[in-house]
Amino acid sequence: MNFVVELLIACALVVSGVFGLVGSYGLVKLTDTLQRLHAPTKATTLGVGGVLVASMIFFYAKTGSLSIHELLISVFLLLTAPITANFISKTYMARHLKESDLPDSQTACGWSIYDEPPESRTGS
């Protein structure tokens, strides 16, 4: 393999390792659930993405063809991490608010959007 390709792979692995380390450290050291949610969904996702980029570069240099598996994994990871974080944060909010603070589930607006009903809005 070419030295430049090996250097690119090594840089991608080092950068992804740093992101993974920072994300793991943040997950352990941050105190609140919503703070802990930020570390794995941002830093660790970038860390795994860096490893997948390094793998794509390696297999392209080795075989001469682009490996689509790593690209699909990266896209799936980047699409699902924010959705998972959103669900976890909404669950946290629902569990830590008093029952009286939650909107009635029978109205047009449920607990998942935390919005006032359209008929009570003013200025429209």
PDB file of N, CA and C in Angstrom:
ATOM      1  N   MET A   1       0.833  -1.178   0.000  1.00  0.00           N
ATOM      2  CA  MET A   1       0.000   0.000   0.000  1.00  0.00           C
ATOM      3  C   MET A   1       0.883   1.250   0.000  1.00  0.00           C
ATOM      4  N   ASN A   2       0.351   2.289  -0.512  1.00  0.00           N
ATOM      5  CA  ASN A   2       1.042   3.570  -0.601  1.00  0.00           C
ATOM      6  C   ASN A   2       1.162   4.198   0.800  1.00  0.00           C
ATOM      7  N   PHE A   3       2.244   4.940   1.032  1.00  0.00           N
ATOM      8  CA  PHE A   3       2.453   5.589   2.322  1.00  0.00           C
ATOM      9  C   PHE A   3       1.363   6.608   2.626  1.00  0.00           C
ATOM     10  N   VAL A   4       0.915   7.320   1.621  1.00  0.00           N
ATOM     11  CA  VAL A   4      -0.122   8.342   1.822  1.00  0.00           C
ATOM     12  C   VAL A   4      -1.437   7.688   2.258  1.00  0.00           C
ATOM     13  N   VAL A   5      -1.753   6.550   1.663  1.00  0.00           N
ATOM     14  CA  VAL A   5      -2.979   5.832   2.036  1.00  0.00           C
ATOM     15  C   VAL A   5      -2.880   5.342   3.476  1.00  0.00           C
ATOM     16  N   GLU A   6      -1.729   4.785   3.827  1.00  0.00           N
ATOM     17  CA  GLU A   6      -1.537   4.325   5.201  1.00  0.00           C
ATOM     18  C   GLU A   6      -1.603   5.482   6.193  1.00  0.00           C
ATOM     19  N   LEU A   7      -1.090   6.626   5.805  1.00  0.00           N
ATOM     20  CA  LEU A   7      -1.154   7.805   6.660  1.00  0.00           C
ATOM     21  C   LEU A   7      -2.597   8.278   6.840  1.00  0.00           C
ATOM     22  N   LEU A   8      -3.378   8.258   5.765  1.00  0.00           N
ATOM     23  CA  LEU A   8      -4.798   8.627   5.858  1.00  0.00           C
ATOM     24  C   LEU A   8      -5.557   7.675   6.779  1.00  0.00           C
ATOM     25  N   ILE A   9      -5.283   6.387   6.626  1.00  0.00           N
ATOM     26  CA  ILE A   9      -5.950   5.394   7.479  1.00  0.00           C
ATOM     27  C   ILE A   9      -5.560   5.595   8.937  1.00  0.00           C
ATOM     28  N   ALA A  10      -4.270   5.813   9.189  1.00  0.00           N
ATOM     29  CA  ALA A  10      -3.807   6.021  10.563  1.00  0.00           C
ATOM     30  C   ALA A  10      -4.415   7.283  11.165  1.00  0.00           C
ATOM     31  N   CYS A  11      -4.487   8.355  10.387  1.00  0.00           N
ATOM     32  CA  CYS A  11      -5.084   9.607  10.887  1.00  0.00           C
ATOM     33  C   CYS A  11      -6.562   9.419  11.198  1.00  0.00           C
ATOM     34  N   ALA A  12      -7.282   8.725  10.328  1.00  0.00           N
ATOM     35  CA  ALA A  12      -8.706   8.479  10.576  1.00  0.00           C
ATOM     36  C   ALA A  12      -8.905   7.638  11.829  1.00  0.00           C
ATOM     37  N   LEU A  13      -8.040   6.652  12.048  1.00  0.00           N
ATOM     38  CA  LEU A  13      -8.152   5.822  13.241  1.00  0.00           C
ATOM     39  C   LEU A  13      -7.806   6.591  14.515  1.00  0.00           C
ATOM     40  N   VAL A  14      -6.795   7.439  14.445  1.00  0.00           N
ATOM     41  CA  VAL A  14      -6.424   8.226  15.630  1.00  0.00           C
ATOM     42  C   VAL A  14      -7.524   9.229  15.966  1.00  0.00           C
ATOM     43  N   VAL A  15      -8.033   9.917  14.962  1.00  0.00           N
ATOM     44  CA  VAL A  15      -9.104  10.891  15.204  1.00  0.00           C
ATOM     45  C   VAL A  15     -10.348  10.193  15.749  1.00  0.00           C
ATOM     46  N   SER A  16     -10.695   9.046  15.178  1.00  0.00           N
ATOM     47  CA  SER A  16     -11.872   8.328  15.669  1.00  0.00           C
ATOM     48  C   SER A  16     -11.640   7.797  17.075  1.00  0.00           C
ATOM     49  N   GLY A  17     -10.412   7.398  17.395  1.00  0.00           N
ATOM     50  CA  GLY A  17     -10.110   6.970  18.750  1.00  0.00           C
ATOM     51  C   GLY A  17     -10.238   8.098  19.760  1.00  0.00           C
ATOM     52  N   VAL A  18      -9.813   9.293  19.364  1.00  0.00           N
ATOM     53  CA  VAL A  18      -9.948  10.456  20.252  1.00  0.00           C
ATOM     54  C   VAL A  18     -11.427  10.776  20.480  1.00  0.00           C
ATOM     55  N   PHE A  19     -12.218  10.761  19.418  1.00  0.00           N
ATOM     56  CA  PHE A  19     -13.659  11.001  19.575  1.00  0.00           C
ATOM     57  C   PHE A  19     -14.305   9.935  20.452  1.00  0.00           C
ATOM     58  N   GLY A  20     -13.938   8.687  20.249  1.00  0.00           N
ATOM     59  CA  GLY A  20     -14.480   7.612  21.078  1.00  0.00           C
ATOM     60  C   GLY A  20     -14.090   7.760  22.532  1.00  0.00           C
ATOM     61  N   LEU A  21     -12.852   8.148  22.779  1.00  0.00           N
ATOM     62  CA  LEU A  21     -12.388   8.341  24.155  1.00  0.00           C
ATOM     63  C   LEU A  21     -13.114   9.507  24.822  1.00  0.00           C
ATOM     64  N   VAL A  22     -13.250  10.611  24.110  1.00  0.00           N
ATOM     65  CA  VAL A  22     -13.953  11.769  24.665  1.00  0.00           C
ATOM     66  C   VAL A  22     -15.423  11.433  24.928  1.00  0.00           C
ATOM     67  N   GLY A  23     -16.061  10.718  24.000  1.00  0.00           N
ATOM     68  CA  GLY A  23     -17.457  10.340  24.202  1.00  0.00           C
ATOM     69  C   GLY A  23     -17.640   9.395  25.373  1.00  0.00           C
ATOM     70  N   SER A  24     -16.733   8.443  25.528  1.00  0.00           N
ATOM     71  CA  SER A  24     -16.817   7.506  26.646  1.00  0.00           C
ATOM     72  C   SER A  24     -16.542   8.208  27.967  1.00  0.00           C
ATOM     73  N   TYR A  25     -15.568   9.094  27.985  1.00  0.00           N
ATOM     74  CA  TYR A  25     -15.258   9.846  29.193  1.00  0.00           C
ATOM     75  C   TYR A  25     -16.438  10.732  29.589  1.00  0.00           C
ATOM     76  N   GLY A  26     -17.055  11.366  28.605  1.00  0.00           N
ATOM     77  CA  GLY A  26     -18.218  12.202  28.888  1.00  0.00           C
ATOM     78  C   GLY A  26     -19.385  11.398  29.416  1.00  0.00           C
ATOM     79  N   LEU A  27     -19.554  10.199  28.917  1.00  0.00           N
ATOM     80  CA  LEU A  27     -20.642   9.340  29.382  1.00  0.00           C
ATOM     81  C   LEU A  27     -20.441   8.965  30.845  1.00  0.00           C
ATOM     82  N   VAL A  28     -19.202   8.753  31.243  1.00  0.00           N
ATOM     83  CA  VAL A  28     -18.913   8.355  32.614  1.00  0.00           C
ATOM     84  C   VAL A  28     -18.931   9.551  33.559  1.00  0.00           C
ATOM     85  N   LYS A  29     -18.381  10.683  33.158  1.00  0.00           N
ATOM     86  CA  LYS A  29     -18.170  11.803  34.068  1.00  0.00           C
ATOM     87  C   LYS A  29     -19.338  12.780  34.168  1.00  0.00           C
ATOM     88  N   LEU A  30     -20.156  12.887  33.153  1.00  0.00           N
ATOM     89  CA  LEU A  30     -21.270  13.836  33.230  1.00  0.00           C
ATOM     90  C   LEU A  30     -22.317  13.322  34.213  1.00  0.00           C
ATOM     91  N   THR A  31     -22.987  14.235  34.900  1.00  0.00           N
ATOM     92  CA  THR A  31     -23.836  13.842  36.019  1.00  0.00           C
ATOM     93  C   THR A  31     -25.292  13.586  35.650  1.00  0.00           C
ATOM     94  N   ASP A  32     -25.867  14.402  34.824  1.00  0.00           N
ATOM     95  CA  ASP A  32     -27.289  14.332  34.512  1.00  0.00           C
ATOM     96  C   ASP A  32     -27.526  13.462  33.281  1.00  0.00           C
ATOM     97  N   THR A  33     -28.693  12.871  33.189  1.00  0.00           N
ATOM     98  CA  THR A  33     -29.023  12.017  32.049  1.00  0.00           C
ATOM     99  C   THR A  33     -28.995  12.794  30.743  1.00  0.00           C
ATOM    100  N   LEU A  34     -29.507  14.000  30.736  1.00  0.00           N
ATOM    101  CA  LEU A  34     -29.510  14.781  29.508  1.00  0.00           C
ATOM    102  C   LEU A  34     -28.103  15.214  29.108  1.00  0.00           C
ATOM    103  N   GLN A  35     -27.232  15.431  30.081  1.00  0.00           N
ATOM    104  CA  GLN A  35     -25.834  15.714  29.763  1.00  0.00           C
ATOM    105  C   GLN A  35     -25.149  14.463  29.231  1.00  0.00           C
ATOM    106  N   ARG A  36     -25.420  13.336  29.849  1.00  0.00           N
ATOM    107  CA  ARG A  36     -24.824  12.075  29.401  1.00  0.00           C
ATOM    108  C   ARG A  36     -25.300  11.687  28.007  1.00  0.00           C
ATOM    109  N   LEU A  37     -26.450  12.130  27.664  1.00  0.00           N
ATOM    110  CA  LEU A  37     -27.000  11.814  26.353  1.00  0.00           C
ATOM    111  C   LEU A  37     -26.200  12.457  25.237  1.00  0.00           C
ATOM    112  N   HIS A  38     -25.618  13.604  25.500  1.00  0.00           N
ATOM    113  CA  HIS A  38     -24.892  14.346  24.472  1.00  0.00           C
ATOM    114  C   HIS A  38     -23.601  13.646  24.059  1.00  0.00           C
ATOM    115  N   ALA A  39     -22.887  13.064  25.005  1.00  0.00           N
ATOM    116  CA  ALA A  39     -21.582  12.458  24.708  1.00  0.00           C
ATOM    117  C   ALA A  39     -21.676  11.283  23.732  1.00  0.00           C
ATOM    118  N   PRO A  40     -22.511  10.282  23.973  1.00  0.00           N
ATOM    119  CA  PRO A  40     -22.518   9.164  23.029  1.00  0.00           C
ATOM    120  C   PRO A  40     -23.164   9.491  21.691  1.00  0.00           C
ATOM    121  N   THR A  41     -24.109  10.396  21.683  1.00  0.00           N
ATOM    122  CA  THR A  41     -24.765  10.672  20.410  1.00  0.00           C
ATOM    123  C   THR A  41     -23.945  11.559  19.493  1.00  0.00           C
ATOM    124  N   LYS A  42     -23.015  12.289  20.034  1.00  0.00           N
ATOM    125  CA  LYS A  42     -22.190  13.160  19.186  1.00  0.00           C
ATOM    126  C   LYS A  42     -20.794  12.590  18.999  1.00  0.00           C
ATOM    127  N   ALA A  43     -20.037  12.526  20.067  1.00  0.00           N
ATOM    128  CA  ALA A  43     -18.623  12.165  19.963  1.00  0.00           C
ATOM    129  C   ALA A  43     -18.418  10.710  19.578  1.00  0.00           C
ATOM    130  N   THR A  44     -19.130   9.812  20.200  1.00  0.00           N
ATOM    131  CA  THR A  44     -18.929   8.400  19.898  1.00  0.00           C
ATOM    132  C   THR A  44     -19.430   8.054  18.502  1.00  0.00           C
ATOM    133  N   THR A  45     -20.476   8.713  18.047  1.00  0.00           N
ATOM    134  CA  THR A  45     -20.937   8.502  16.677  1.00  0.00           C
ATOM    135  C   THR A  45     -19.869   8.916  15.677  1.00  0.00           C
ATOM    136  N   LEU A  46     -19.207  10.043  15.934  1.00  0.00           N
ATOM    137  CA  LEU A  46     -18.110  10.463  15.063  1.00  0.00           C
ATOM    138  C   LEU A  46     -16.926   9.503  15.158  1.00  0.00           C
ATOM    139  N   GLY A  47     -16.702   8.929  16.337  1.00  0.00           N
ATOM    140  CA  GLY A  47     -15.630   7.955  16.497  1.00  0.00           C
ATOM    141  C   GLY A  47     -15.867   6.700  15.674  1.00  0.00           C
ATOM    142  N   VAL A  48     -17.045   6.166  15.732  1.00  0.00           N
ATOM    143  CA  VAL A  48     -17.377   4.985  14.936  1.00  0.00           C
ATOM    144  C   VAL A  48     -17.357   5.325  13.453  1.00  0.00           C
ATOM    145  N   GLY A  49     -17.821   6.516  13.109  1.00  0.00           N
ATOM    146  CA  GLY A  49     -17.765   6.952  11.708  1.00  0.00           C
ATOM    147  C   GLY A  49     -16.342   7.033  11.188  1.00  0.00           C
ATOM    148  N   GLY A  50     -15.414   7.487  12.022  1.00  0.00           N
ATOM    149  CA  GLY A  50     -14.008   7.551  11.617  1.00  0.00           C
ATOM    150  C   GLY A  50     -13.409   6.177  11.361  1.00  0.00           C
ATOM    151  N   VAL A  51     -13.764   5.208  12.184  1.00  0.00           N
ATOM    152  CA  VAL A  51     -13.295   3.836  11.965  1.00  0.00           C
ATOM    153  C   VAL A  51     -13.860   3.294  10.659  1.00  0.00           C
ATOM    154  N   LEU A  52     -15.105   3.592  10.380  1.00  0.00           N
ATOM    155  CA  LEU A  52     -15.713   3.123   9.136  1.00  0.00           C
ATOM    156  C   LEU A  52     -15.088   3.800   7.917  1.00  0.00           C
ATOM    157  N   VAL A  53     -14.737   5.076   8.031  1.00  0.00           N
ATOM    158  CA  VAL A  53     -14.050   5.767   6.938  1.00  0.00           C
ATOM    159  C   VAL A  53     -12.681   5.153   6.706  1.00  0.00           C
ATOM    160  N   ALA A  54     -11.963   4.852   7.789  1.00  0.00           N
ATOM    161  CA  ALA A  54     -10.654   4.202   7.655  1.00  0.00           C
ATOM    162  C   ALA A  54     -10.800   2.842   6.984  1.00  0.00           C
ATOM    163  N   SER A  55     -11.838   2.119   7.318  1.00  0.00           N
ATOM    164  CA  SER A  55     -12.085   0.822   6.692  1.00  0.00           C
ATOM    165  C   SER A  55     -12.399   0.970   5.203  1.00  0.00           C
ATOM    166  N   MET A  56     -13.174   1.994   4.858  1.00  0.00           N
ATOM    167  CA  MET A  56     -13.478   2.223   3.437  1.00  0.00           C
ATOM    168  C   MET A  56     -12.211   2.567   2.656  1.00  0.00           C
ATOM    169  N   ILE A  57     -11.349   3.393   3.236  1.00  0.00           N
ATOM    170  CA  ILE A  57     -10.092   3.748   2.563  1.00  0.00           C
ATOM    171  C   ILE A  57      -9.213   2.514   2.400  1.00  0.00           C
ATOM    172  N   PHE A  58      -9.136   1.691   3.442  1.00  0.00           N
ATOM    173  CA  PHE A  58      -8.304   0.489   3.384  1.00  0.00           C
ATOM    174  C   PHE A  58      -8.770  -0.462   2.282  1.00  0.00           C
ATOM    175  N   PHE A  59     -10.060  -0.754   2.255  1.00  0.00           N
ATOM    176  CA  PHE A  59     -10.554  -1.702   1.264  1.00  0.00           C
ATOM    177  C   PHE A  59     -10.514  -1.129  -0.151  1.00  0.00           C
ATOM    178  N   TYR A  60     -10.639   0.176  -0.283  1.00  0.00           N
ATOM    179  CA  TYR A  60     -10.494   0.778  -1.608  1.00  0.00           C
ATOM    180  C   TYR A  60      -9.049   0.663  -2.092  1.00  0.00           C
ATOM    181  N   ALA A  61      -8.098   0.882  -1.195  1.00  0.00           N
ATOM    182  CA  ALA A  61      -6.684   0.762  -1.573  1.00  0.00           C
ATOM    183  C   ALA A  61      -6.297  -0.688  -1.820  1.00  0.00           C
ATOM    184  N   LYS A  62      -6.900  -1.620  -1.093  1.00  0.00           N
ATOM    185  CA  LYS A  62      -6.544  -3.042  -1.205  1.00  0.00           C
ATOM    186  C   LYS A  62      -7.171  -3.697  -2.434  1.00  0.00           C
ATOM    187  N   THR A  63      -8.442  -3.442  -2.663  1.00  0.00           N
ATOM    188  CA  THR A  63      -9.154  -4.133  -3.751  1.00  0.00           C
ATOM    189  C   THR A  63      -9.386  -3.262  -4.970  1.00  0.00           C
ATOM    190  N   GLY A  64      -9.367  -1.952  -4.811  1.00  0.00           N
ATOM    191  CA  GLY A  64      -9.631  -1.064  -5.931  1.00  0.00           C
ATOM    192  C   GLY A  64     -11.099  -0.782  -6.159  1.00  0.00           C
ATOM    193  N   SER A  65     -11.960  -1.352  -5.337  1.00  0.00           N
ATOM    194  CA  SER A  65     -13.392  -1.077  -5.459  1.00  0.00           C
ATOM    195  C   SER A  65     -13.904  -0.524  -4.132  1.00  0.00           C
ATOM    196  N   LEU A  66     -14.908   0.299  -4.233  1.00  0.00           N
ATOM    197  CA  LEU A  66     -15.467   0.942  -3.051  1.00  0.00           C
ATOM    198  C   LEU A  66     -16.362  -0.041  -2.311  1.00  0.00           C
ATOM    199  N   SER A  67     -16.142  -0.199  -1.023  1.00  0.00           N
ATOM    200  CA  SER A  67     -16.983  -1.065  -0.191  1.00  0.00           C
ATOM    201  C   SER A  67     -18.180  -0.262   0.288  1.00  0.00           C
ATOM    202  N   ILE A  68     -19.338  -0.693  -0.114  1.00  0.00           N
ATOM    203  CA  ILE A  68     -20.560   0.046   0.188  1.00  0.00           C
ATOM    204  C   ILE A  68     -21.093  -0.284   1.584  1.00  0.00           C
ATOM    205  N   HIS A  69     -20.634  -1.405   2.164  1.00  0.00           N
ATOM    206  CA  HIS A  69     -21.137  -1.807   3.479  1.00  0.00           C
ATOM    207  C   HIS A  69     -20.843  -0.760   4.549  1.00  0.00           C
ATOM    208  N   GLU A  70     -19.615  -0.277   4.564  1.00  0.00           N
ATOM    209  CA  GLU A  70     -19.242   0.716   5.564  1.00  0.00           C
ATOM    210  C   GLU A  70     -20.001   2.027   5.362  1.00  0.00           C
ATOM    211  N   LEU A  71     -20.237   2.381   4.134  1.00  0.00           N
ATOM    212  CA  LEU A  71     -21.002   3.595   3.848  1.00  0.00           C
ATOM    213  C   LEU A  71     -22.439   3.463   4.357  1.00  0.00           C
ATOM    214  N   LEU A  72     -23.040   2.310   4.141  1.00  0.00           N
ATOM    215  CA  LEU A  72     -24.406   2.081   4.621  1.00  0.00           C
ATOM    216  C   LEU A  72     -24.469   2.077   6.145  1.00  0.00           C
ATOM    217  N   ILE A  73     -23.472   1.477   6.785  1.00  0.00           N
ATOM    218  CA  ILE A  73     -23.430   1.485   8.247  1.00  0.00           C
ATOM    219  C   ILE A  73     -23.308   2.913   8.760  1.00  0.00           C
ATOM    220  N   SER A  74     -22.457   3.719   8.132  1.00  0.00           N
ATOM    221  CA  SER A  74     -22.279   5.121   8.546  1.00  0.00           C
ATOM    222  C   SER A  74     -23.572   5.912   8.398  1.00  0.00           C
ATOM    223  N   VAL A  75     -24.246   5.743   7.278  1.00  0.00           N
ATOM    224  CA  VAL A  75     -25.513   6.462   7.060  1.00  0.00           C
ATOM    225  C   VAL A  75     -26.557   6.029   8.085  1.00  0.00           C
ATOM    226  N   PHE A  76     -26.655   4.725   8.318  1.00  0.00           N
ATOM    227  CA  PHE A  76     -27.617   4.226   9.303  1.00  0.00           C
ATOM    228  C   PHE A  76     -27.300   4.763  10.693  1.00  0.00           C
ATOM    229  N   LEU A  77     -26.035   4.786  11.054  1.00  0.00           N
ATOM    230  CA  LEU A  77     -25.621   5.286  12.364  1.00  0.00           C
ATOM    231  C   LEU A  77     -25.927   6.772  12.507  1.00  0.00           C
ATOM    232  N   LEU A  78     -25.624   7.553  11.487  1.00  0.00           N
ATOM    233  CA  LEU A  78     -25.866   8.998  11.563  1.00  0.00           C
ATOM    234  C   LEU A  78     -27.351   9.344  11.540  1.00  0.00           C
ATOM    235  N   LEU A  79     -28.171   8.451  10.996  1.00  0.00           N
ATOM    236  CA  LEU A  79     -29.617   8.692  10.999  1.00  0.00           C
ATOM    237  C   LEU A  79     -30.283   8.249  12.289  1.00  0.00           C
ATOM    238  N   THR A  80     -29.804   7.162  12.886  1.00  0.00           N
ATOM    239  CA  THR A  80     -30.499   6.624  14.054  1.00  0.00           C
ATOM    240  C   THR A  80     -30.040   7.214  15.378  1.00  0.00           C
ATOM    241  N   ALA A  81     -28.817   7.703  15.479  1.00  0.00           N
ATOM    242  CA  ALA A  81     -28.340   8.253  16.755  1.00  0.00           C
ATOM    243  C   ALA A  81     -29.163   9.461  17.219  1.00  0.00           C
ATOM    244  N   PRO A  82     -29.476  10.438  16.365  1.00  0.00           N
ATOM    245  CA  PRO A  82     -30.302  11.562  16.849  1.00  0.00           C
ATOM    246  C   PRO A  82     -31.728  11.150  17.206  1.00  0.00           C
ATOM    247  N   ILE A  83     -32.278  10.182  16.497  1.00  0.00           N
ATOM    248  CA  ILE A  83     -33.637   9.735  16.794  1.00  0.00           C
ATOM    249  C   ILE A  83     -33.672   9.040  18.149  1.00  0.00           C
ATOM    250  N   THR A  84     -32.670   8.210  18.407  1.00  0.00           N
ATOM    251  CA  THR A  84     -32.582   7.535  19.698  1.00  0.00           C
ATOM    252  C   THR A  84     -32.404   8.547  20.823  1.00  0.00           C
ATOM    253  N   ALA A  85     -31.562   9.540  20.613  1.00  0.00           N
ATOM    254  CA  ALA A  85     -31.358  10.577  21.625  1.00  0.00           C
ATOM    255  C   ALA A  85     -32.653  11.343  21.892  1.00  0.00           C
ATOM    256  N   ASN A  86     -33.419  11.585  20.864  1.00  0.00           N
ATOM    257  CA  ASN A  86     -34.694  12.279  21.017  1.00  0.00           C
ATOM    258  C   ASN A  86     -35.661  11.452  21.864  1.00  0.00           C
ATOM    259  N   PHE A  87     -35.741  10.163  21.603  1.00  0.00           N
ATOM    260  CA  PHE A  87     -36.624   9.300  22.389  1.00  0.00           C
ATOM    261  C   PHE A  87     -36.179   9.227  23.850  1.00  0.00           C
ATOM    262  N   ILE A  88     -34.884   9.127  24.079  1.00  0.00           N
ATOM    263  CA  ILE A  88     -34.379   9.055  25.450  1.00  0.00           C
ATOM    264  C   ILE A  88     -34.659  10.362  26.187  1.00  0.00           C
ATOM    265  N   SER A  89     -34.465  11.500  25.529  1.00  0.00           N
ATOM    266  CA  SER A  89     -34.716  12.779  26.193  1.00  0.00           C
ATOM    267  C   SER A  89     -36.198  12.974  26.489  1.00  0.00           C
ATOM    268  N   LYS A  90     -37.071  12.548  25.604  1.00  0.00           N
ATOM    269  CA  LYS A  90     -38.509  12.675  25.865  1.00  0.00           C
ATOM    270  C   LYS A  90     -38.951  11.762  27.004  1.00  0.00           C
ATOM    271  N   THR A  91     -38.361  10.584  27.085  1.00  0.00           N
ATOM    272  CA  THR A  91     -38.663   9.694  28.193  1.00  0.00           C
ATOM    273  C   THR A  91     -38.189  10.292  29.507  1.00  0.00           C
ATOM    274  N   TYR A  92     -37.005  10.876  29.493  1.00  0.00           N
ATOM    275  CA  TYR A  92     -36.479  11.536  30.694  1.00  0.00           C
ATOM    276  C   TYR A  92     -37.405  12.670  31.123  1.00  0.00           C
ATOM    277  N   MET A  93     -37.840  13.481  30.177  1.00  0.00           N
ATOM    278  CA  MET A  93     -38.721  14.597  30.502  1.00  0.00           C
ATOM    279  C   MET A  93     -40.051  14.100  31.053  1.00  0.00           C
ATOM    280  N   ALA A  94     -40.582  13.043  30.495  1.00  0.00           N
ATOM    281  CA  ALA A  94     -41.869  12.528  30.952  1.00  0.00           C
ATOM    282  C   ALA A  94     -41.771  11.936  32.355  1.00  0.00           C
ATOM    283  N   ARG A  95     -40.651  11.304  32.664  1.00  0.00           N
ATOM    284  CA  ARG A  95     -40.490  10.696  33.986  1.00  0.00           C
ATOM    285  C   ARG A  95     -40.185  11.721  35.072  1.00  0.00           C
ATOM    286  N   HIS A  96     -39.558  12.830  34.712  1.00  0.00           N
ATOM    287  CA  HIS A  96     -39.133  13.783  35.722  1.00  0.00           C
ATOM    288  C   HIS A  96     -40.065  14.985  35.869  1.00  0.00           C
ATOM    289  N   LEU A  97     -41.085  15.053  35.064  1.00  0.00           N
ATOM    290  CA  LEU A  97     -42.095  16.090  35.257  1.00  0.00           C
ATOM    291  C   LEU A  97     -43.215  15.522  36.115  1.00  0.00           C
ATOM    292  N   LYS A  98     -43.846  16.393  36.877  1.00  0.00           N
ATOM    293  CA  LYS A  98     -44.987  15.941  37.669  1.00  0.00           C
ATOM    294  C   LYS A  98     -46.127  15.575  36.729  1.00  0.00           C
ATOM    295  N   GLU A  99     -46.974  14.706  37.190  1.00  0.00           N
ATOM    296  CA  GLU A  99     -48.105  14.258  36.374  1.00  0.00           C
ATOM    297  C   GLU A  99     -48.994  15.437  35.984  1.00  0.00           C
ATOM    298  N   SER A 100     -49.099  16.445  36.844  1.00  0.00           N
ATOM    299  CA  SER A 100     -49.942  17.599  36.537  1.00  0.00           C
ATOM    300  C   SER A 100     -49.322  18.490  35.464  1.00  0.00           C
ATOM    301  N   ASP A 101     -48.000  18.402  35.264  1.00  0.00           N
ATOM    302  CA  ASP A 101     -47.343  19.224  34.256  1.00  0.00           C
ATOM    303  C   ASP A 101     -47.488  18.659  32.850  1.00  0.00           C
ATOM    304  N   LEU A 102     -47.822  17.386  32.743  1.00  0.00           N
ATOM    305  CA  LEU A 102     -47.970  16.772  31.427  1.00  0.00           C
ATOM    306  C   LEU A 102     -49.311  17.141  30.820  1.00  0.00           C
ATOM    307  N   PRO A 103     -49.356  17.409  29.520  1.00  0.00           N
ATOM    308  CA  PRO A 103     -50.630  17.694  28.868  1.00  0.00           C
ATOM    309  C   PRO A 103     -51.533  16.469  28.876  1.00  0.00           C
ATOM    310  N   ASP A 104     -52.814  16.707  28.794  1.00  0.00           N
ATOM    311  CA  ASP A 104     -53.776  15.615  28.748  1.00  0.00           C
ATOM    312  C   ASP A 104     -53.600  14.852  27.445  1.00  0.00           C
ATOM    313  N   SER A 105     -53.548  13.537  27.528  1.00  0.00           N
ATOM    314  CA  SER A 105     -53.313  12.733  26.324  1.00  0.00           C
ATOM    315  C   SER A 105     -54.529  12.695  25.407  1.00  0.00           C
ATOM    316  N   GLN A 106     -55.680  13.160  25.875  1.00  0.00           N
ATOM    317  CA  GLN A 106     -56.883  13.141  25.053  1.00  0.00           C
ATOM    318  C   GLN A 106     -56.987  14.363  24.139  1.00  0.00           C
ATOM    319  N   THR A 107     -56.140  15.371  24.348  1.00  0.00           N
ATOM    320  CA  THR A 107     -56.190  16.564  23.508  1.00  0.00           C
ATOM    321  C   THR A 107     -55.447  16.318  22.204  1.00  0.00           C
ATOM    322  N   ALA A 108     -55.466  17.307  21.332  1.00  0.00           N
ATOM    323  CA  ALA A 108     -54.801  17.185  20.038  1.00  0.00           C
ATOM    324  C   ALA A 108     -53.288  17.116  20.181  1.00  0.00           C
ATOM    325  N   CYS A 109     -52.759  17.677  21.267  1.00  0.00           N
ATOM    326  CA  CYS A 109     -51.315  17.676  21.491  1.00  0.00           C
ATOM    327  C   CYS A 109     -50.993  16.719  22.617  1.00  0.00           C
ATOM    328  N   GLY A 110     -50.192  15.736  22.341  1.00  0.00           N
ATOM    329  CA  GLY A 110     -49.825  14.760  23.353  1.00  0.00           C
ATOM    330  C   GLY A 110     -48.597  15.180  24.130  1.00  0.00           C
ATOM    331  N   TRP A 111     -48.125  14.327  25.021  1.00  0.00           N
ATOM    332  CA  TRP A 111     -46.975  14.657  25.871  1.00  0.00           C
ATOM    333  C   TRP A 111     -45.688  14.733  25.066  1.00  0.00           C
ATOM    334  N   SER A 112     -45.653  14.138  23.891  1.00  0.00           N
ATOM    335  CA  SER A 112     -44.381  14.052  23.170  1.00  0.00           C
ATOM    336  C   SER A 112     -43.984  15.348  22.485  1.00  0.00           C
ATOM    337  N   ILE A 113     -44.884  16.312  22.373  1.00  0.00           N
ATOM    338  CA  ILE A 113     -44.492  17.558  21.716  1.00  0.00           C
ATOM    339  C   ILE A 113     -44.447  18.746  22.661  1.00  0.00           C
ATOM    340  N   TYR A 114     -44.983  18.606  23.859  1.00  0.00           N
ATOM    341  CA  TYR A 114     -44.957  19.677  24.846  1.00  0.00           C
ATOM    342  C   TYR A 114     -45.368  21.017  24.244  1.00  0.00           C
ATOM    343  N   ASP A 115     -46.484  21.031  23.621  1.00  0.00           N
ATOM    344  CA  ASP A 115     -46.973  22.243  22.990  1.00  0.00           C
ATOM    345  C   ASP A 115     -48.389  22.497  23.475  1.00  0.00           C
ATOM    346  N   GLU A 116     -48.757  23.749  23.510  1.00  0.00           N
ATOM    347  CA  GLU A 116     -50.111  24.075  23.910  1.00  0.00           C
ATOM    348  C   GLU A 116     -51.070  23.781  22.759  1.00  0.00           C
ATOM    349  N   PRO A 117     -52.311  23.483  23.060  1.00  0.00           N
ATOM    350  CA  PRO A 117     -53.292  23.196  22.005  1.00  0.00           C
ATOM    351  C   PRO A 117     -53.446  24.401  21.074  1.00  0.00           C
ATOM    352  N   PRO A 118     -53.712  24.161  19.803  1.00  0.00           N
ATOM    353  CA  PRO A 118     -53.814  25.260  18.822  1.00  0.00           C
ATOM    354  C   PRO A 118     -54.870  26.302  19.174  1.00  0.00           C
ATOM    355  N   GLU A 119     -55.974  25.908  19.808  1.00  0.00           N
ATOM    356  CA  GLU A 119     -57.038  26.867  20.088  1.00  0.00           C
ATOM    357  C   GLU A 119     -56.666  27.826  21.216  1.00  0.00           C
ATOM    358  N   SER A 120     -55.664  27.520  22.035  1.00  0.00           N
ATOM    359  CA  SER A 120     -55.299  28.417  23.123  1.00  0.00           C
ATOM    360  C   SER A 120     -54.179  29.388  22.749  1.00  0.00           C
ATOM    361  N   ARG A 121     -53.663  29.301  21.539  1.00  0.00           N
ATOM    362  CA  ARG A 121     -52.608  30.206  21.115  1.00  0.00           C
ATOM    363  C   ARG A 121     -53.189  31.576  20.789  1.00  0.00           C
ATOM    364  N   THR A 122     -52.432  32.601  21.111  1.00  0.00           N
ATOM    365  CA  THR A 122     -52.886  33.969  20.823  1.00  0.00           C
ATOM    366  C   THR A 122     -51.983  34.592  19.806  1.00  0.00           C
ATOM    367  N   GLY A 123     -52.448  35.611  19.168  1.00  0.00           N
ATOM    368  CA  GLY A 123     -51.642  36.358  18.203  1.00  0.00           C
ATOM    369  C   GLY A 123     -51.743  35.812  16.778  1.00  0.00           C
ATOM    370  N   SER A 124     -52.604  34.830  16.537  1.00  0.00           N
ATOM    371  CA  SER A 124     -52.733  34.283  15.184  1.00  0.00           C
ATOM    372  C   SER A 124     -53.895  34.907  14.476  1.00  0.00           C
TER     373      SER A 124
END
